[in-house]
Protein backbone atom coordinates (compact mmCIF):
# COMPACT_ATOMS: atom_id res chain seq x y z
CA MET A 1 0.16 0.43 0.00
CA ASN A 2 1.59 3.31 -1.01
CA LYS A 3 2.12 5.71 1.86
CA LYS A 4 -0.68 8.44 -0.11
CA LEU A 5 -3.26 6.01 0.38
CA GLN A 6 -2.17 5.70 3.94
CA VAL A 7 -2.85 8.95 4.93
CA LEU A 8 -5.80 8.81 2.70
CA LEU A 9 -7.03 5.76 4.48
CA ILE A 10 -5.67 7.20 8.23
CA LYS A 11 -7.70 10.47 7.51
CA THR A 12 -10.67 8.74 6.54
CA PHE A 13 -11.28 6.76 9.72
CA LEU A 14 -10.02 9.87 11.95
CA ILE A 15 -13.05 12.02 10.12
CA SER A 16 -15.46 9.01 10.16
CA LEU A 17 -14.71 8.05 13.71
CA PRO A 18 -16.95 10.55 15.82
CA LEU A 19 -19.69 9.11 13.94
CA MET A 20 -18.62 5.97 14.67
CA LEU A 21 -18.65 6.37 18.16
CA LEU A 22 -22.12 8.11 18.19
CA LEU A 23 -23.54 5.50 16.17
CA ALA A 24 -22.30 3.14 18.37
CA TYR A 25 -23.56 4.94 21.66
CA TYR A 26 -26.64 5.20 19.87
CA VAL A 27 -27.26 0.94 19.31
CA ILE A 28 -26.19 0.62 22.70
CA GLU A 29 -27.93 3.17 25.11
CA ASP A 30 -30.77 3.05 21.97
CA PRO A 31 -32.13 6.12 23.51
CA PHE A 32 -35.51 6.17 21.98
CA LYS A 33 -36.17 1.77 23.14
CA VAL A 34 -36.70 1.29 19.93
CA ILE A 35 -33.67 -1.57 19.15
CA HIS A 36 -33.75 -3.73 21.99
CA HIS A 37 -36.66 -5.59 24.68
CA TYR A 38 -38.47 -3.43 27.00
CA ASP A 39 -41.00 -5.03 29.70
CA SER A 40 -41.48 -1.58 30.27
CA PHE A 41 -40.56 1.97 28.78
CA TYR A 42 -41.59 4.40 31.59
CA LYS A 43 -40.27 5.52 35.01
CA ASN A 44 -42.98 7.21 37.39
CA ASP A 45 -42.83 10.99 38.28
CA VAL A 46 -39.63 11.79 36.23
CA ARG A 47 -39.34 14.14 33.41
CA LEU A 48 -38.45 11.83 30.90
CA MET A 49 -37.17 12.41 27.18
CA ASP A 50 -40.50 11.72 24.54
CA LEU A 51 -41.15 7.97 23.18
CA ASN A 52 -42.84 6.93 19.79
CA ARG A 53 -45.72 5.86 21.80
CA ASP A 54 -47.20 3.98 19.42
CA TYR A 55 -44.38 1.98 19.67
CA THR A 56 -44.18 1.34 22.83
CA SER A 57 -47.59 1.38 23.46
CA THR A 58 -47.93 -1.86 20.80
CA SER A 59 -44.52 -3.37 22.16
CA LEU A 60 -46.76 -3.53 25.67
CA PHE A 61 -49.05 -4.87 24.44
CA LEU A 62 -47.46 -7.62 22.89
CA ASN A 63 -45.76 -8.01 26.05
CA ASN A 64 -48.62 -8.48 28.05
CA TYR A 65 -50.99 -10.02 25.69
CA PRO A 66 -50.23 -13.48 26.77
CA VAL A 67 -50.38 -12.85 30.15
CA TYR A 68 -53.88 -10.84 30.32
CA HIS A 69 -55.65 -11.42 26.97
CA TYR A 70 -56.95 -7.88 26.77
CA ASP A 71 -60.44 -7.49 24.59
CA SER A 72 -61.74 -4.51 25.70
CA PHE A 73 -59.06 -1.47 24.08
CA ILE A 74 -59.67 2.65 23.90
CA PHE A 75 -58.32 3.96 21.16
CA GLY A 76 -57.20 7.46 20.22
CA SER A 77 -54.75 10.52 20.76
CA SER A 78 -52.91 11.40 23.85
CA ARG A 79 -56.12 12.69 24.40
CA SER A 80 -57.38 9.61 24.86
CA LEU A 81 -56.18 9.41 27.64
CA THR A 82 -58.75 11.13 29.88
CA PHE A 83 -60.67 7.96 29.75
CA GLN A 84 -58.73 6.00 31.99
CA CYS A 85 -58.38 2.37 31.64
CA THR A 86 -59.13 1.69 35.66
CA GLU A 87 -62.40 3.79 35.59
CA TRP A 88 -63.90 2.01 32.51
CA GLN A 89 -63.19 -1.39 34.00
CA LYS A 90 -66.37 -0.23 36.58
CA TYR A 91 -68.89 -0.67 33.64
CA VAL A 92 -66.91 -3.65 31.19
CA THR A 93 -66.09 -6.90 33.02
CA SER A 94 -63.43 -7.56 31.04
CA PRO A 95 -59.27 -6.88 30.91
CA THR A 96 -58.44 -3.30 29.21
CA TYR A 97 -56.00 -1.68 27.00
CA HIS A 98 -55.09 1.62 26.31
CA PHE A 99 -53.77 1.50 22.76
CA ASP A 100 -53.44 5.00 21.82
CA ALA A 101 -50.43 6.67 20.15
CA ASN A 102 -49.22 10.43 20.29
CA GLY A 103 -50.65 12.57 17.65
CA GLU A 104 -52.82 9.56 16.46
CA SER A 105 -54.67 9.05 13.18
CA LEU A 106 -57.54 7.15 11.39
CA PHE A 107 -54.87 5.12 9.60
CA GLY A 108 -53.52 4.39 13.25
CA VAL A 109 -56.43 3.21 14.51
CA TYR A 110 -57.55 1.16 11.58
CA ILE A 111 -54.77 -0.34 11.65
CA LYS A 112 -54.66 -1.55 15.12
CA ILE A 113 -58.65 -2.80 15.06
CA LYS A 114 -57.45 -4.86 11.70
CA TYR A 115 -54.08 -5.66 13.06
CA LEU A 116 -56.03 -7.22 16.14
CA TYR A 117 -59.33 -8.97 13.76
CA GLU A 118 -56.26 -10.95 11.38
CA HIS A 119 -54.14 -12.31 14.71
CA ASN A 120 -57.53 -13.29 16.47
CA MET A 121 -57.44 -11.25 19.29
CA LYS A 122 -61.41 -10.52 20.34
CA ILE A 123 -62.72 -7.12 20.78
CA LYS A 124 -65.23 -7.22 22.87
CA ASN A 125 -65.76 -3.46 24.26
CA CYS A 126 -63.66 -0.39 22.35
CA ILE A 127 -63.49 3.06 23.06
CA ILE A 128 -62.48 5.39 19.92
CA VAL A 129 -62.04 9.03 21.01
CA VAL A 130 -61.95 11.11 17.83
CA ASP A 131 -61.27 14.55 17.07
CA SER A 132 -60.85 15.97 13.61
CA GLY A 133 -57.51 16.04 13.38
CA LEU A 134 -57.55 12.34 14.11
CA ILE A 135 -60.35 11.63 11.52
CA ALA A 136 -58.31 13.94 8.88
CA LYS A 137 -55.50 11.48 8.92
CA THR A 138 -55.49 8.04 6.79
CA ASN A 139 -51.45 8.22 6.05
CA ASN A 140 -49.06 7.02 8.11
CA SER A 141 -46.23 9.68 9.49
CA ASP A 142 -42.65 10.51 8.12
CA GLU A 143 -41.69 11.87 11.52
CA TYR A 144 -40.09 9.29 13.82
CA ILE A 145 -42.49 10.34 16.92
CA TYR A 146 -45.33 9.72 15.41
CA MET A 147 -44.78 6.62 12.74
CA LYS A 148 -46.54 3.42 13.16
CA ASP A 149 -45.11 0.51 14.25
CA PRO A 150 -44.04 -1.99 11.71
CA GLU A 151 -45.52 -4.60 13.47
CA THR A 152 -49.29 -3.03 13.05
CA SER A 153 -48.69 -1.09 10.21
CA GLY A 154 -46.64 -3.62 8.00
CA GLU A 155 -44.48 -1.01 6.55
CA SER A 156 -40.60 -1.25 6.64
CA ARG A 157 -38.61 -1.89 9.61
CA ILE A 158 -35.59 -0.71 7.92
CA LYS A 159 -37.31 2.83 7.14
CA PHE A 160 -38.42 3.05 10.90
CA GLN A 161 -35.63 2.56 12.12
CA PHE A 162 -33.47 4.76 9.84
CA GLU A 163 -35.69 7.51 10.82
CA PHE A 164 -34.73 7.12 14.43
CA MET A 165 -31.44 6.93 14.38
CA LYS A 166 -31.44 9.90 11.72
CA LYS A 167 -33.22 11.67 14.12
CA PHE A 168 -30.88 11.41 16.76
CA LEU A 169 -27.48 12.09 14.32
CA ASN A 170 -29.20 15.69 13.97
CA ASN A 171 -27.11 18.74 15.08
CA LYS A 172 -29.84 19.90 17.12
CA PHE A 173 -30.80 16.91 18.90
CA PHE A 174 -27.87 14.80 20.48
CA PRO A 175 -26.01 17.86 21.44
CA GLN A 176 -29.28 18.29 23.97
CA TYR A 177 -29.68 15.23 24.40
CA PHE A 178 -25.90 14.78 26.12
CA ALA A 179 -26.67 17.67 27.53
CA TYR A 180 -29.83 15.87 29.06
CA LYS A 181 -28.07 12.91 30.20
CA ALA A 182 -25.42 15.23 32.18
CA GLY A 183 -28.34 16.55 33.85
CA LYS A 184 -27.32 19.56 32.85
CA LYS A 185 -30.33 22.72 32.88
CA LEU A 186 -30.66 24.40 29.14
CA PRO A 187 -31.31 28.10 28.83
CA GLU A 188 -35.33 27.67 27.85
CA PHE A 189 -34.69 29.14 24.14
CA LEU A 190 -32.23 26.11 23.29
CA GLU A 191 -34.67 23.36 25.04
CA TYR A 192 -35.38 20.84 22.01
CA PHE A 193 -39.01 19.75 22.89
CA PRO A 194 -38.68 15.98 22.24
CA ILE A 195 -35.26 15.71 24.57
CA VAL A 196 -37.03 16.77 28.18
CA ARG A 197 -41.35 16.45 28.93
CA ARG A 198 -42.50 19.70 30.49
CA TRP A 199 -44.22 17.45 33.25
CA SER A 200 -43.69 14.18 35.04
CA PHE A 201 -46.32 11.54 34.37
CA ASN A 202 -47.24 7.88 35.88
CA PHE A 203 -48.00 5.52 34.09
CA ASN A 204 -50.01 2.00 34.30
CA ASN A 205 -48.04 -0.87 32.60
CA ILE A 206 -50.89 -3.09 32.63
CA THR A 207 -53.04 -1.39 31.19
CA ASN A 208 -51.48 1.69 29.69
CA ASP A 209 -53.07 4.16 31.16
CA VAL A 210 -50.84 7.67 31.66
CA ILE A 211 -51.93 9.88 34.58
CA TYR A 212 -50.86 13.48 34.64
CA SER A 213 -49.57 12.81 38.17
CA GLU A 214 -47.65 16.29 38.44
CA GLN A 215 -50.18 18.41 37.00
CA GLU A 216 -53.00 16.81 39.37
CA LYS A 217 -50.71 17.41 42.51
CA ILE A 218 -50.43 20.94 41.71
CA ILE A 219 -54.08 21.72 40.63
CA GLN A 220 -54.81 20.36 44.34
CA GLU A 221 -52.89 21.73 46.25
CA ASN A 222 -53.16 25.52 44.86
CA LYS A 223 -55.97 25.30 42.14
CA GLU A 224 -55.90 29.22 41.87
CA LEU A 225 -52.06 29.69 41.00
CA TYR A 226 -52.16 26.53 38.92
CA TYR A 227 -54.68 28.31 36.06
CA LYS A 228 -53.25 31.75 36.84
CA LYS A 229 -49.64 30.82 36.23
CA SER A 230 -51.01 29.44 33.13
CA ASN A 231 -52.77 32.41 31.35
CA ASN A 232 -50.84 31.79 28.18
CA THR A 233 -52.09 27.70 27.89
CA PHE A 234 -55.27 28.69 29.03
CA TYR A 235 -56.25 31.02 26.87
CA LYS A 236 -59.69 33.32 26.76
CA ARG A 237 -62.47 31.88 24.47
CA ASP A 238 -65.34 33.59 22.81
CA PHE A 239 -68.41 31.59 24.42
CA LEU A 240 -70.87 33.43 22.06
CA ASN A 241 -69.65 32.29 18.63
CA GLU A 242 -69.40 28.66 18.10
CA ILE A 243 -67.15 27.71 15.51
CA MET A 244 -67.52 24.46 13.15
CA TYR A 245 -64.92 22.45 11.95
CA PRO A 246 -64.57 22.10 7.92
CA GLY A 247 -65.89 18.43 6.80
CA ILE A 248 -62.85 16.37 6.58
CA ILE A 249 -64.51 12.64 5.97
CA LYS A 250 -63.63 11.92 2.55
CA GLN A 251 -63.70 8.37 0.46
CA GLU A 252 -60.74 7.40 2.19
CA GLN A 253 -61.67 8.24 5.38
CA LEU A 254 -65.14 6.53 4.76
CA LYS A 255 -63.23 3.10 3.76
CA MET A 256 -61.38 2.97 7.05
CA LEU A 257 -64.62 3.62 8.90
CA TYR A 258 -66.70 1.32 7.70
CA GLU A 259 -64.00 -1.36 7.26
CA ILE A 260 -63.53 -0.65 11.15
CA LYS A 261 -67.10 -1.17 11.78
CA ASP A 262 -67.30 -4.41 9.76
CA ILE A 263 -64.94 -5.82 11.83
CA PHE A 264 -67.20 -4.66 15.31
CA ASN A 265 -69.58 -6.53 13.26
CA LYS A 266 -67.79 -9.86 12.91
CA PHE A 267 -66.80 -9.59 16.33
CA GLY A 268 -69.98 -8.40 18.43
CA THR A 269 -68.05 -5.64 19.61
CA SER A 270 -69.82 -3.29 22.14
CA PHE A 271 -68.47 0.39 21.62
CA LYS A 272 -68.62 3.80 21.76
CA ILE A 273 -67.41 7.16 19.65
CA ILE A 274 -66.44 9.68 21.27
CA VAL A 275 -66.31 13.32 19.86
CA TYR A 276 -63.61 15.20 21.75
CA PRO A 277 -64.47 17.78 24.09
CA ASP A 278 -62.08 20.33 22.49
CA TYR A 279 -60.92 23.37 25.06
CA ASN A 280 -60.96 25.49 21.70
CA LEU A 281 -64.71 24.89 21.81
CA VAL A 282 -64.41 24.35 17.71
CA LYS A 283 -67.72 22.45 17.10
CA PHE A 284 -66.96 18.56 15.52
CA ASN A 285 -68.74 18.94 11.43
CA ASN A 286 -72.14 18.56 11.70
CA GLU A 287 -71.62 16.50 7.83
CA ASP A 288 -68.90 14.38 9.83
CA LEU A 289 -70.72 13.49 12.70
CA HIS A 290 -73.90 12.37 10.32
CA TYR A 291 -71.12 9.87 8.77
CA LEU A 292 -70.24 8.48 12.19
CA GLU A 293 -73.51 8.03 13.02
CA ASN A 294 -74.81 6.64 9.95
CA ILE A 295 -71.76 3.95 10.11
CA PHE A 296 -71.54 3.12 13.69
CA GLY A 297 -75.17 4.09 14.65
CA SER A 298 -76.28 7.09 16.31
CA GLU A 299 -76.92 5.07 19.57
CA ASN A 300 -72.96 4.98 19.99
CA VAL A 301 -71.77 8.13 18.72
CA TYR A 302 -71.23 10.69 21.59
CA ASP A 303 -70.47 13.88 20.75
CA TYR A 304 -68.59 16.33 23.38
CA SER A 305 -67.27 19.50 20.90
CA GLY A 306 -68.45 22.64 20.93
CA ILE A 307 -69.23 24.74 23.53
CA ASN A 308 -70.97 22.79 26.73
CA GLU A 309 -70.59 22.63 29.98
CA ILE A 310 -67.19 20.70 30.32
CA THR A 311 -65.75 23.08 27.48
CA ARG A 312 -66.64 26.16 29.43
CA ASN A 313 -64.58 25.60 32.40
CA GLU A 314 -61.08 25.58 32.34
CA GLU A 315 -60.26 23.84 35.32
CA ASN A 316 -61.59 20.53 33.24
CA TYR A 317 -58.48 20.59 31.75
CA VAL A 318 -54.58 20.56 32.24
CA ASP A 319 -54.13 22.35 29.69
CA PHE A 320 -55.35 23.38 26.35
CA HIS A 321 -55.08 19.97 24.77
CA HIS A 322 -55.77 17.55 27.25
CA ALA A 323 -58.64 16.87 29.77
CA ARG A 324 -58.52 15.67 33.53
CA SER A 325 -59.42 12.27 33.93
CA LEU A 326 -62.27 13.85 36.14
CA VAL A 327 -63.89 14.79 32.44
CA GLY A 328 -63.54 10.93 31.31
CA ASP A 329 -65.06 10.04 34.63
CA LYS A 330 -68.00 12.02 33.86
CA ILE A 331 -68.22 10.94 30.17
CA LEU A 332 -68.34 7.13 31.06
CA LYS A 333 -70.80 7.44 33.56
CA GLU A 334 -73.52 9.17 31.12
CA ILE A 335 -72.79 6.80 28.56
CA TYR A 336 -72.28 3.97 30.17
CA THR A 337 -74.63 4.02 33.58
CA GLU A 338 -76.87 6.25 33.08
CA LYS A 339 -78.15 4.54 29.67
CA ASN A 340 -77.46 1.36 31.62
CA GLU A 341 -76.01 -0.56 28.86
CA LEU A 342 -72.92 -2.67 30.66
CA LYS A 343 -71.78 -5.03 29.51
């Protein structure tokens, strides 16, 4: 080997060494918890980095199913966490599982229900928590935090892993990640949202429920201070003029919704479709609501959107995206006990 080639190889090695070390760290440390097996993904009362909730929900389900044989499911985005399985079990005599995902889509709900059907995992009871944002999305996301687990999507596992690795190697990500791991407090303007969550939560490793423990604790201790300090979150709203979302249910949505209903028919599923009580007071589109009622039956669709008793009261929310579990408890009581539809 001539000297010039040797020098070139040494330089190439030295230049690529930081990247190789980063890659080695990534594989060993597995910061997104998508490479190695985990019995659980979260720690209670600790502010953690955001993970791909679709992946963790699916993995925990597959870990636990041989033991608990779940047959009752709550589907939806993080907003569905308003409805706790532990509360729902007062009304359904079955093992329950919260099969949610951050930024969930109709595509995500559809492929999970289809996966259960194709693997002969019975759906005895089901709640789907919807809003216009969820209904609008009929494709998988390319964003690492929202991508669907290849186990349910059937899409490329290599692409799935590549998106996480690419995110870690992003020069806006890994420097802040290492600062986070070293316990350093970054200036607010440097904080990168996916690195550190603002709040800590509690997690149920059997039902997959997430509990807003830190926020609820502060609200219980000093409700006035919590909502006063959160003025930017709990913005002022117009209670006089109700706005409606534009219609978003098209042919692709109809295809998925009808297939979901067909699976429910085959399983004899008892189901509820709950339109979320959004803090923004915007009403779910009437035409879209009629589609849901025509497909699933008006007796199974419950619209809590718009201006109403729940949405008027800011104290029903932990932030402008998420209602407190006491709201979910109230709604579950209304749609089950008061109509005597226990199963």
